Structure formats: C-alpha cells, structure tokens
Amino acid sequence: MSASWKYRAIATVVKTHGRKGEVVAEPRHGLPLLLENGARVVVVPPTLKGPRSFVVASCANSDAAQRVAFEGVENLARADELVGRTVLMHVDDLPDDFVLYDVESLIGREVHDVTHGTLGNIVEILRGPANDVWAIEGPWGEVLVPVVEHVVVDVPEKGAIVCAVPKGLVKEVDG
C-alpha cells in the first residue's frame, strides 16, 4: 500500500458541545491529544451527506479530551452526525514520536537492550500519568521498561526497538 493512503485512527467523537457545531473528541487507545488548529482529518464511517474530510477550525484541550470545531460543521444537527465516528489522520501529519504511543505498532514488537541483548516482545502497554511502561515477556521473564527519552534509544519502522534499560530492571534468571 502506498504511503499516500495510510491513515491512523487517533480519536473518537463522543458527543456534541453547544449549538454551534463543536464536538468533543477523545483520543483512542491511550494516544495523546493530537488534534490541533489547521489539522486535516478524515472522519469514518462517512456520513450520507457532506464531506468525509475536515480541517480543524479550532481546538481546546482538557485533560482527557478535546473540544473541536471543524470547518463546515456549523450547527448542532451536523455535529450530531459525527458522534460515534472515528477521526483519522494521515501518517505524514502525525508527530515524530507517535510510534511511542501507538498500541497497534508496538504490541508484539521485539525489544533489545544495549547491555542484555534481546529482552523479548512487548505484550502490554501500561498507561501512567508521567509516562507509559512497556511490559516485555522474554528470556529474562517480565521486564517493565519505562517509555522515557533516556531509556528508549531507537524505534525503527521495522525490526527491534533498542533500549538502554536502567540497572536493576532486568532480573537475572537461573538457567
């Protein structure tokens, strides 16, 4: 598939807000708040009438959601048609660190540590207030790796993720 056709689900429209066409969108799968003024998005499944793609006219963030106005959505009835639909963004428009939050691309990925070698595969992503933690199962048992800049060294598109796990997180197992 060509990169020009790749989109990722980033949010779900959960309700309308007010009578001027604004909606409330919540991030999907623990993603950060990604909508911003001027962003081009696609809403699926499309409504029977009206556009499939939108430009974010304005956006206000709260802790867990975003109040969004889309260009061309100017009343409560039109906003109500978007409730329950998924907001997609083209992969080229996503932030550079998107892969660190993207459950779809992380679960099952192999992780290598610069000291211990292969740690195993990511089996779960634990969401935390300060940072996420990857639960990795492999030859060292379960290893919990904090997803922070000084620990996650490289996240290539393909292949193993490289980490520099702090001392004490990898427990030696008896063979």
N, C-alpha and C. Protein backbone atom coordinates (compact mmCIF):
# COMPACT_ATOMS: atom_id res chain seq x y z
N MET A 1 0.84 -1.17 0.00
CA MET A 1 0.00 0.00 0.00
C MET A 1 0.89 1.24 0.00
N SER A 2 0.57 2.20 -0.80
CA SER A 2 1.33 3.44 -0.89
C SER A 2 1.16 4.25 0.38
N ALA A 3 2.21 4.97 0.78
CA ALA A 3 2.16 5.79 1.98
C ALA A 3 1.09 6.86 1.87
N SER A 4 0.72 7.26 0.65
CA SER A 4 -0.27 8.31 0.48
C SER A 4 -1.66 7.85 0.92
N TRP A 5 -1.85 6.55 1.16
CA TRP A 5 -3.15 6.02 1.56
C TRP A 5 -3.17 5.60 3.03
N LYS A 6 -2.11 5.83 3.77
CA LYS A 6 -2.04 5.35 5.14
C LYS A 6 -2.57 6.40 6.12
N TYR A 7 -3.58 5.99 6.87
CA TYR A 7 -4.16 6.83 7.91
C TYR A 7 -4.18 6.05 9.20
N ARG A 8 -4.17 6.75 10.33
CA ARG A 8 -4.25 6.11 11.64
C ARG A 8 -5.42 6.70 12.41
N ALA A 9 -6.13 5.85 13.13
CA ALA A 9 -7.21 6.30 13.99
C ALA A 9 -6.59 6.98 15.20
N ILE A 10 -6.98 8.23 15.44
CA ILE A 10 -6.40 8.99 16.55
C ILE A 10 -7.42 9.39 17.61
N ALA A 11 -8.71 9.45 17.26
CA ALA A 11 -9.70 9.92 18.22
C ALA A 11 -11.09 9.41 17.83
N THR A 12 -12.00 9.50 18.79
CA THR A 12 -13.41 9.17 18.56
C THR A 12 -14.24 10.38 18.98
N VAL A 13 -15.20 10.76 18.15
CA VAL A 13 -16.11 11.84 18.51
C VAL A 13 -17.13 11.25 19.48
N VAL A 14 -17.16 11.76 20.71
CA VAL A 14 -18.01 11.16 21.74
C VAL A 14 -19.30 11.91 22.00
N LYS A 15 -19.33 13.22 21.72
CA LYS A 15 -20.57 13.97 21.93
C LYS A 15 -20.45 15.34 21.28
N THR A 16 -21.59 16.00 21.19
CA THR A 16 -21.60 17.37 20.71
C THR A 16 -21.32 18.30 21.89
N HIS A 17 -20.98 19.55 21.55
CA HIS A 17 -20.74 20.55 22.60
C HIS A 17 -21.35 21.87 22.13
N GLY A 18 -22.39 22.30 22.81
CA GLY A 18 -23.03 23.55 22.43
C GLY A 18 -23.87 23.41 21.17
N ARG A 19 -24.28 24.57 20.65
CA ARG A 19 -25.18 24.56 19.50
C ARG A 19 -24.52 25.07 18.22
N LYS A 20 -23.23 25.37 18.27
CA LYS A 20 -22.56 25.95 17.11
C LYS A 20 -21.74 24.93 16.31
N GLY A 21 -21.96 23.63 16.56
CA GLY A 21 -21.30 22.61 15.75
C GLY A 21 -20.03 22.03 16.32
N GLU A 22 -19.68 22.38 17.54
CA GLU A 22 -18.48 21.80 18.14
C GLU A 22 -18.77 20.38 18.63
N VAL A 23 -17.71 19.58 18.70
CA VAL A 23 -17.81 18.21 19.20
C VAL A 23 -16.70 17.99 20.23
N VAL A 24 -16.85 16.92 21.02
CA VAL A 24 -15.81 16.51 21.94
C VAL A 24 -15.22 15.22 21.39
N ALA A 25 -13.90 15.21 21.23
CA ALA A 25 -13.19 14.03 20.71
C ALA A 25 -12.24 13.52 21.79
N GLU A 26 -12.26 12.20 22.01
CA GLU A 26 -11.35 11.57 22.96
C GLU A 26 -10.33 10.75 22.19
N PRO A 27 -9.06 10.79 22.63
CA PRO A 27 -8.03 10.01 21.95
C PRO A 27 -8.33 8.51 22.05
N ARG A 28 -7.91 7.77 21.06
CA ARG A 28 -8.09 6.31 21.04
C ARG A 28 -6.87 5.61 21.59
N HIS A 29 -7.09 4.47 22.23
CA HIS A 29 -6.02 3.56 22.66
C HIS A 29 -4.91 4.25 23.45
N GLY A 30 -5.27 5.21 24.29
CA GLY A 30 -4.27 5.85 25.12
C GLY A 30 -3.37 6.84 24.41
N LEU A 31 -3.70 7.21 23.19
CA LEU A 31 -2.89 8.18 22.46
C LEU A 31 -2.96 9.54 23.14
N PRO A 32 -1.98 10.39 22.91
CA PRO A 32 -2.07 11.76 23.42
C PRO A 32 -3.10 12.54 22.60
N LEU A 33 -3.40 13.76 23.03
CA LEU A 33 -4.31 14.64 22.29
C LEU A 33 -3.57 15.13 21.05
N LEU A 34 -4.04 14.77 19.87
CA LEU A 34 -3.30 15.04 18.63
C LEU A 34 -3.94 16.07 17.71
N LEU A 35 -5.20 16.40 17.94
CA LEU A 35 -5.85 17.37 17.06
C LEU A 35 -5.35 18.77 17.38
N GLU A 36 -5.17 19.58 16.34
CA GLU A 36 -4.73 20.96 16.52
C GLU A 36 -5.28 21.81 15.40
N ASN A 37 -5.30 23.11 15.60
CA ASN A 37 -5.83 24.03 14.59
C ASN A 37 -5.14 23.80 13.25
N GLY A 38 -5.95 23.72 12.20
CA GLY A 38 -5.42 23.55 10.85
C GLY A 38 -5.17 22.11 10.44
N ALA A 39 -5.29 21.16 11.38
CA ALA A 39 -5.07 19.75 11.04
C ALA A 39 -6.12 19.26 10.05
N ARG A 40 -5.67 18.46 9.09
CA ARG A 40 -6.58 17.84 8.13
C ARG A 40 -6.86 16.42 8.60
N VAL A 41 -8.14 16.08 8.70
CA VAL A 41 -8.53 14.77 9.20
C VAL A 41 -9.62 14.18 8.32
N VAL A 42 -9.84 12.88 8.49
CA VAL A 42 -10.91 12.16 7.82
C VAL A 42 -11.76 11.54 8.92
N VAL A 43 -13.09 11.61 8.76
CA VAL A 43 -14.00 11.03 9.75
C VAL A 43 -14.69 9.84 9.11
N VAL A 44 -14.61 8.68 9.77
CA VAL A 44 -15.21 7.46 9.23
C VAL A 44 -16.06 6.78 10.29
N PRO A 45 -17.06 6.00 9.90
CA PRO A 45 -17.55 5.95 8.53
C PRO A 45 -18.13 7.30 8.12
N PRO A 46 -18.09 7.60 6.83
CA PRO A 46 -18.57 8.92 6.39
C PRO A 46 -20.08 9.03 6.57
N THR A 47 -20.56 10.26 6.72
CA THR A 47 -21.99 10.50 6.78
C THR A 47 -22.56 10.35 5.38
N LEU A 48 -23.88 10.17 5.29
CA LEU A 48 -24.51 10.02 3.97
C LEU A 48 -24.37 11.27 3.12
N LYS A 49 -24.49 12.42 3.77
CA LYS A 49 -24.36 13.69 3.06
C LYS A 49 -23.25 14.49 3.71
N GLY A 50 -22.54 15.22 2.92
CA GLY A 50 -21.50 16.08 3.47
C GLY A 50 -20.11 15.50 3.24
N PRO A 51 -19.12 16.27 3.65
CA PRO A 51 -17.73 15.87 3.39
C PRO A 51 -17.28 14.70 4.26
N ARG A 52 -16.26 14.04 3.81
CA ARG A 52 -15.60 12.96 4.55
C ARG A 52 -14.37 13.52 5.27
N SER A 53 -13.73 14.51 4.67
CA SER A 53 -12.54 15.09 5.29
C SER A 53 -12.87 16.49 5.81
N PHE A 54 -12.11 16.87 6.84
CA PHE A 54 -12.35 18.15 7.51
C PHE A 54 -11.02 18.80 7.86
N VAL A 55 -11.09 20.10 8.12
CA VAL A 55 -9.97 20.85 8.67
C VAL A 55 -10.42 21.32 10.04
N VAL A 56 -9.54 21.18 11.03
CA VAL A 56 -9.85 21.63 12.38
C VAL A 56 -9.79 23.16 12.39
N ALA A 57 -10.94 23.79 12.66
CA ALA A 57 -11.01 25.25 12.71
C ALA A 57 -10.54 25.78 14.05
N SER A 58 -10.87 25.06 15.13
CA SER A 58 -10.38 25.44 16.46
C SER A 58 -10.39 24.20 17.34
N CYS A 59 -9.55 24.26 18.37
CA CYS A 59 -9.40 23.10 19.23
C CYS A 59 -8.99 23.56 20.62
N ALA A 60 -9.67 23.03 21.64
CA ALA A 60 -9.32 23.33 23.02
C ALA A 60 -9.13 22.01 23.76
N ASN A 61 -8.03 21.89 24.49
CA ASN A 61 -7.71 20.65 25.18
C ASN A 61 -8.11 20.68 26.64
N SER A 62 -8.57 19.52 27.13
CA SER A 62 -8.72 19.31 28.56
C SER A 62 -7.78 18.16 28.91
N ASP A 63 -7.91 17.60 30.09
CA ASP A 63 -7.01 16.50 30.47
C ASP A 63 -7.17 15.27 29.60
N ALA A 64 -8.41 14.93 29.24
CA ALA A 64 -8.64 13.65 28.56
C ALA A 64 -9.38 13.77 27.23
N ALA A 65 -9.68 14.98 26.80
CA ALA A 65 -10.46 15.13 25.57
C ALA A 65 -10.15 16.48 24.93
N GLN A 66 -10.73 16.67 23.74
CA GLN A 66 -10.55 17.93 23.03
C GLN A 66 -11.90 18.42 22.54
N ARG A 67 -12.17 19.72 22.71
CA ARG A 67 -13.36 20.33 22.12
C ARG A 67 -12.94 20.86 20.77
N VAL A 68 -13.60 20.38 19.71
CA VAL A 68 -13.13 20.64 18.35
C VAL A 68 -14.25 21.25 17.51
N ALA A 69 -13.88 22.24 16.71
CA ALA A 69 -14.76 22.79 15.68
C ALA A 69 -14.14 22.46 14.34
N PHE A 70 -14.91 21.81 13.48
CA PHE A 70 -14.44 21.50 12.13
C PHE A 70 -15.01 22.53 11.16
N GLU A 71 -14.21 22.96 10.19
CA GLU A 71 -14.72 23.86 9.15
C GLU A 71 -15.89 23.19 8.45
N GLY A 72 -16.96 23.93 8.25
CA GLY A 72 -18.14 23.41 7.57
C GLY A 72 -19.16 22.74 8.47
N VAL A 73 -18.83 22.51 9.72
CA VAL A 73 -19.77 21.95 10.69
C VAL A 73 -20.19 23.11 11.59
N GLU A 74 -21.36 23.68 11.28
CA GLU A 74 -21.72 24.95 11.91
C GLU A 74 -22.98 24.90 12.76
N ASN A 75 -23.56 23.69 12.94
CA ASN A 75 -24.75 23.62 13.78
C ASN A 75 -24.80 22.29 14.52
N LEU A 76 -25.69 22.23 15.49
CA LEU A 76 -25.82 21.04 16.34
C LEU A 76 -26.20 19.81 15.53
N ALA A 77 -27.09 19.95 14.56
CA ALA A 77 -27.54 18.80 13.77
C ALA A 77 -26.36 18.18 13.01
N ARG A 78 -25.55 19.01 12.40
CA ARG A 78 -24.39 18.49 11.63
C ARG A 78 -23.35 17.87 12.58
N ALA A 79 -23.12 18.50 13.73
CA ALA A 79 -22.18 17.96 14.71
C ALA A 79 -22.68 16.61 15.23
N ASP A 80 -23.98 16.49 15.45
CA ASP A 80 -24.56 15.25 15.97
C ASP A 80 -24.33 14.08 15.01
N GLU A 81 -24.23 14.33 13.72
CA GLU A 81 -23.97 13.28 12.73
C GLU A 81 -22.57 12.67 12.90
N LEU A 82 -21.67 13.40 13.55
CA LEU A 82 -20.29 12.93 13.71
C LEU A 82 -20.08 12.10 14.98
N VAL A 83 -21.04 12.16 15.90
CA VAL A 83 -20.90 11.44 17.18
C VAL A 83 -20.80 9.93 16.93
N GLY A 84 -19.82 9.30 17.56
CA GLY A 84 -19.60 7.87 17.42
C GLY A 84 -18.66 7.51 16.28
N ARG A 85 -18.24 8.49 15.52
CA ARG A 85 -17.35 8.23 14.38
C ARG A 85 -15.88 8.38 14.79
N THR A 86 -15.02 7.80 13.97
CA THR A 86 -13.59 7.77 14.25
C THR A 86 -12.88 8.84 13.42
N VAL A 87 -11.95 9.54 14.06
CA VAL A 87 -11.15 10.57 13.40
C VAL A 87 -9.81 9.96 13.00
N LEU A 88 -9.49 10.06 11.72
CA LEU A 88 -8.23 9.55 11.19
C LEU A 88 -7.33 10.71 10.79
N MET A 89 -6.01 10.48 10.92
CA MET A 89 -5.04 11.47 10.45
C MET A 89 -4.02 10.74 9.57
N HIS A 90 -3.59 11.40 8.51
CA HIS A 90 -2.58 10.81 7.62
C HIS A 90 -1.28 10.62 8.39
N VAL A 91 -0.60 9.51 8.15
CA VAL A 91 0.63 9.20 8.89
C VAL A 91 1.70 10.28 8.74
N ASP A 92 1.74 10.95 7.61
CA ASP A 92 2.74 12.01 7.41
C ASP A 92 2.48 13.23 8.29
N ASP A 93 1.25 13.36 8.80
CA ASP A 93 0.89 14.51 9.63
C ASP A 93 0.98 14.23 11.13
N LEU A 94 1.30 13.00 11.48
CA LEU A 94 1.42 12.63 12.90
C LEU A 94 2.74 13.12 13.47
N PRO A 95 2.79 13.36 14.79
CA PRO A 95 4.07 13.80 15.38
C PRO A 95 5.13 12.71 15.27
N ASP A 96 6.38 13.12 15.30
CA ASP A 96 7.50 12.18 15.15
C ASP A 96 7.49 11.08 16.20
N ASP A 97 7.05 11.38 17.42
CA ASP A 97 7.06 10.37 18.49
C ASP A 97 5.77 9.56 18.58
N PHE A 98 4.91 9.64 17.56
CA PHE A 98 3.64 8.92 17.57
C PHE A 98 3.81 7.43 17.83
N VAL A 99 4.84 6.83 17.27
CA VAL A 99 5.05 5.39 17.42
C VAL A 99 5.21 4.98 18.88
N LEU A 100 5.66 5.87 19.73
CA LEU A 100 5.82 5.54 21.15
C LEU A 100 4.49 5.34 21.86
N TYR A 101 3.40 5.82 21.28
CA TYR A 101 2.08 5.72 21.89
C TYR A 101 1.14 4.79 21.12
N ASP A 102 1.54 4.35 19.96
CA ASP A 102 0.66 3.62 19.04
C ASP A 102 0.63 2.13 19.39
N VAL A 103 -0.43 1.72 20.07
CA VAL A 103 -0.57 0.33 20.51
C VAL A 103 -0.45 -0.63 19.33
N GLU A 104 -1.10 -0.29 18.21
CA GLU A 104 -1.10 -1.18 17.05
C GLU A 104 0.31 -1.50 16.55
N SER A 105 1.20 -0.53 16.59
CA SER A 105 2.54 -0.78 16.08
C SER A 105 3.51 -1.29 17.15
N LEU A 106 3.12 -1.23 18.42
CA LEU A 106 4.03 -1.65 19.49
C LEU A 106 3.83 -3.08 19.98
N ILE A 107 2.57 -3.50 20.14
CA ILE A 107 2.31 -4.84 20.67
C ILE A 107 2.94 -5.88 19.73
N GLY A 108 3.73 -6.76 20.32
CA GLY A 108 4.41 -7.80 19.54
C GLY A 108 5.80 -7.42 19.07
N ARG A 109 6.16 -6.13 19.15
CA ARG A 109 7.49 -5.70 18.70
C ARG A 109 8.56 -6.27 19.61
N GLU A 110 9.67 -6.66 19.01
CA GLU A 110 10.82 -7.16 19.75
C GLU A 110 11.60 -5.97 20.32
N VAL A 111 12.14 -6.17 21.53
CA VAL A 111 12.92 -5.13 22.19
C VAL A 111 14.29 -5.68 22.56
N HIS A 112 15.34 -4.94 22.19
CA HIS A 112 16.72 -5.28 22.53
C HIS A 112 17.25 -4.24 23.51
N ASP A 113 17.99 -4.71 24.50
CA ASP A 113 18.66 -3.81 25.44
C ASP A 113 20.14 -3.75 25.06
N VAL A 114 20.75 -2.59 25.20
CA VAL A 114 22.15 -2.44 24.82
C VAL A 114 23.09 -3.28 25.68
N THR A 115 22.68 -3.66 26.88
CA THR A 115 23.51 -4.47 27.77
C THR A 115 23.13 -5.95 27.74
N HIS A 116 21.84 -6.26 27.82
CA HIS A 116 21.36 -7.63 27.97
C HIS A 116 20.96 -8.32 26.67
N GLY A 117 20.95 -7.61 25.58
CA GLY A 117 20.51 -8.21 24.31
C GLY A 117 19.00 -8.27 24.24
N THR A 118 18.48 -9.34 23.66
CA THR A 118 17.04 -9.47 23.47
C THR A 118 16.32 -9.58 24.81
N LEU A 119 15.35 -8.67 25.01
CA LEU A 119 14.52 -8.72 26.22
C LEU A 119 13.25 -9.51 25.96
N GLY A 120 12.79 -9.53 24.72
CA GLY A 120 11.56 -10.22 24.36
C GLY A 120 10.66 -9.32 23.54
N ASN A 121 9.35 -9.56 23.66
CA ASN A 121 8.37 -8.81 22.89
C ASN A 121 7.42 -8.04 23.80
N ILE A 122 6.98 -6.88 23.33
CA ILE A 122 6.02 -6.08 24.09
C ILE A 122 4.68 -6.81 24.10
N VAL A 123 4.15 -7.08 25.29
CA VAL A 123 2.87 -7.79 25.42
C VAL A 123 1.77 -6.88 25.94
N GLU A 124 2.16 -5.79 26.57
CA GLU A 124 1.16 -4.88 27.13
C GLU A 124 1.78 -3.49 27.28
N ILE A 125 0.93 -2.48 27.17
CA ILE A 125 1.37 -1.11 27.40
C ILE A 125 0.57 -0.59 28.59
N LEU A 126 1.30 -0.23 29.64
CA LEU A 126 0.68 0.28 30.85
C LEU A 126 0.72 1.81 30.78
N ARG A 127 -0.44 2.43 30.87
CA ARG A 127 -0.53 3.89 30.78
C ARG A 127 -0.35 4.49 32.16
N GLY A 128 0.51 5.47 32.26
CA GLY A 128 0.74 6.14 33.53
C GLY A 128 0.63 7.63 33.39
N PRO A 129 0.50 8.33 34.50
CA PRO A 129 0.35 9.78 34.44
C PRO A 129 1.62 10.49 33.95
N ALA A 130 2.78 9.93 34.27
CA ALA A 130 4.04 10.55 33.87
C ALA A 130 4.56 9.99 32.55
N ASN A 131 4.48 8.66 32.39
CA ASN A 131 4.96 8.02 31.17
C ASN A 131 4.34 6.63 31.07
N ASP A 132 4.38 6.08 29.88
CA ASP A 132 3.92 4.72 29.68
C ASP A 132 5.01 3.76 30.11
N VAL A 133 4.62 2.49 30.31
CA VAL A 133 5.57 1.43 30.63
C VAL A 133 5.25 0.26 29.71
N TRP A 134 6.27 -0.29 29.04
CA TRP A 134 6.09 -1.46 28.20
C TRP A 134 6.33 -2.70 29.04
N ALA A 135 5.38 -3.63 29.03
CA ALA A 135 5.56 -4.94 29.66
C ALA A 135 6.11 -5.86 28.57
N ILE A 136 7.31 -6.38 28.81
CA ILE A 136 8.00 -7.21 27.82
C ILE A 136 8.18 -8.61 28.40
N GLU A 137 7.81 -9.62 27.61
CA GLU A 137 8.00 -11.02 28.01
C GLU A 137 9.07 -11.63 27.13
N GLY A 138 10.01 -12.32 27.77
CA GLY A 138 11.08 -12.95 27.00
C GLY A 138 12.00 -13.76 27.89
N PRO A 139 13.23 -13.95 27.45
CA PRO A 139 14.17 -14.81 28.17
C PRO A 139 14.50 -14.32 29.58
N TRP A 140 14.26 -13.07 29.89
CA TRP A 140 14.53 -12.51 31.21
C TRP A 140 13.27 -12.48 32.07
N GLY A 141 12.21 -13.15 31.60
CA GLY A 141 10.92 -13.07 32.29
C GLY A 141 10.23 -11.78 31.90
N GLU A 142 9.42 -11.26 32.81
CA GLU A 142 8.75 -10.00 32.52
C GLU A 142 9.68 -8.85 32.89
N VAL A 143 9.85 -7.94 31.94
CA VAL A 143 10.65 -6.74 32.17
C VAL A 143 9.74 -5.55 31.90
N LEU A 144 9.69 -4.63 32.85
CA LEU A 144 8.88 -3.43 32.71
C LEU A 144 9.80 -2.27 32.35
N VAL A 145 9.62 -1.73 31.15
CA VAL A 145 10.51 -0.69 30.63
C VAL A 145 9.77 0.64 30.57
N PRO A 146 10.26 1.65 31.30
CA PRO A 146 9.63 2.97 31.22
C PRO A 146 9.88 3.61 29.85
N VAL A 147 8.84 4.17 29.27
CA VAL A 147 8.97 4.80 27.96
C VAL A 147 9.33 6.27 28.19
N VAL A 148 10.63 6.49 28.34
CA VAL A 148 11.18 7.84 28.52
C VAL A 148 12.38 8.00 27.61
N GLU A 149 12.72 9.22 27.33
CA GLU A 149 13.75 9.54 26.33
C GLU A 149 15.09 8.85 26.59
N HIS A 150 15.57 8.83 27.82
CA HIS A 150 16.89 8.26 28.07
C HIS A 150 16.90 6.73 28.11
N VAL A 151 15.73 6.10 28.07
CA VAL A 151 15.65 4.63 28.07
C VAL A 151 15.40 4.09 26.66
N VAL A 152 14.46 4.68 25.95
CA VAL A 152 14.14 4.24 24.58
C VAL A 152 15.11 4.92 23.63
N VAL A 153 16.04 4.13 23.09
CA VAL A 153 17.12 4.67 22.27
C VAL A 153 16.70 4.84 20.81
N ASP A 154 16.04 3.82 20.24
CA ASP A 154 15.68 3.86 18.82
C ASP A 154 14.44 3.03 18.58
N VAL A 155 13.48 3.61 17.84
CA VAL A 155 12.26 2.90 17.46
C VAL A 155 12.18 2.94 15.93
N PRO A 156 12.85 1.98 15.28
CA PRO A 156 12.82 1.96 13.81
C PRO A 156 11.44 1.53 13.30
N GLU A 157 11.15 1.87 12.05
CA GLU A 157 9.87 1.46 11.46
C GLU A 157 9.69 -0.05 11.51
N LYS A 158 10.77 -0.78 11.24
CA LYS A 158 10.74 -2.24 11.28
C LYS A 158 11.92 -2.72 12.10
N GLY A 159 11.80 -3.94 12.58
CA GLY A 159 12.88 -4.50 13.37
C GLY A 159 12.74 -4.20 14.84
N ALA A 160 13.77 -4.56 15.58
CA ALA A 160 13.74 -4.45 17.04
C ALA A 160 13.88 -3.01 17.52
N ILE A 161 13.16 -2.72 18.59
CA ILE A 161 13.31 -1.45 19.30
C ILE A 161 14.53 -1.58 20.20
N VAL A 162 15.33 -0.53 20.28
CA VAL A 162 16.55 -0.56 21.09
C VAL A 162 16.35 0.30 22.33
N CYS A 163 16.68 -0.28 23.48
CA CYS A 163 16.56 0.42 24.76
C CYS A 163 17.86 0.34 25.54
N ALA A 164 18.03 1.26 26.47
CA ALA A 164 19.11 1.22 27.45
C ALA A 164 18.43 1.14 28.81
N VAL A 165 18.08 -0.07 29.21
CA VAL A 165 17.30 -0.29 30.42
C VAL A 165 18.15 0.02 31.65
N PRO A 166 17.59 0.81 32.58
CA PRO A 166 18.35 1.13 33.80
C PRO A 166 18.69 -0.13 34.61
N LYS A 167 19.80 -0.04 35.29
CA LYS A 167 20.27 -1.16 36.13
C LYS A 167 19.19 -1.54 37.14
N GLY A 168 19.00 -2.85 37.29
CA GLY A 168 18.03 -3.37 38.25
C GLY A 168 16.68 -3.73 37.67
N LEU A 169 16.38 -3.29 36.46
CA LEU A 169 15.08 -3.63 35.87
C LEU A 169 15.07 -5.02 35.24
N VAL A 170 16.24 -5.50 34.81
CA VAL A 170 16.34 -6.84 34.23
C VAL A 170 16.88 -7.74 35.33
N LYS A 171 16.07 -8.69 35.74
CA LYS A 171 16.46 -9.61 36.82
C LYS A 171 17.10 -10.84 36.21
N GLU A 172 18.26 -11.19 36.70
CA GLU A 172 18.95 -12.41 36.24
C GLU A 172 18.09 -13.61 36.62
N VAL A 173 17.89 -14.53 35.67
CA VAL A 173 17.12 -15.74 35.95
C VAL A 173 18.06 -16.94 35.97
N ASP A 174 17.76 -17.88 36.83
CA ASP A 174 18.59 -19.09 36.92
C ASP A 174 18.29 -19.97 35.73
N GLY A 175 19.30 -20.48 35.08
CA GLY A 175 19.13 -21.30 33.89
C GLY A 175 19.22 -22.67 34.25
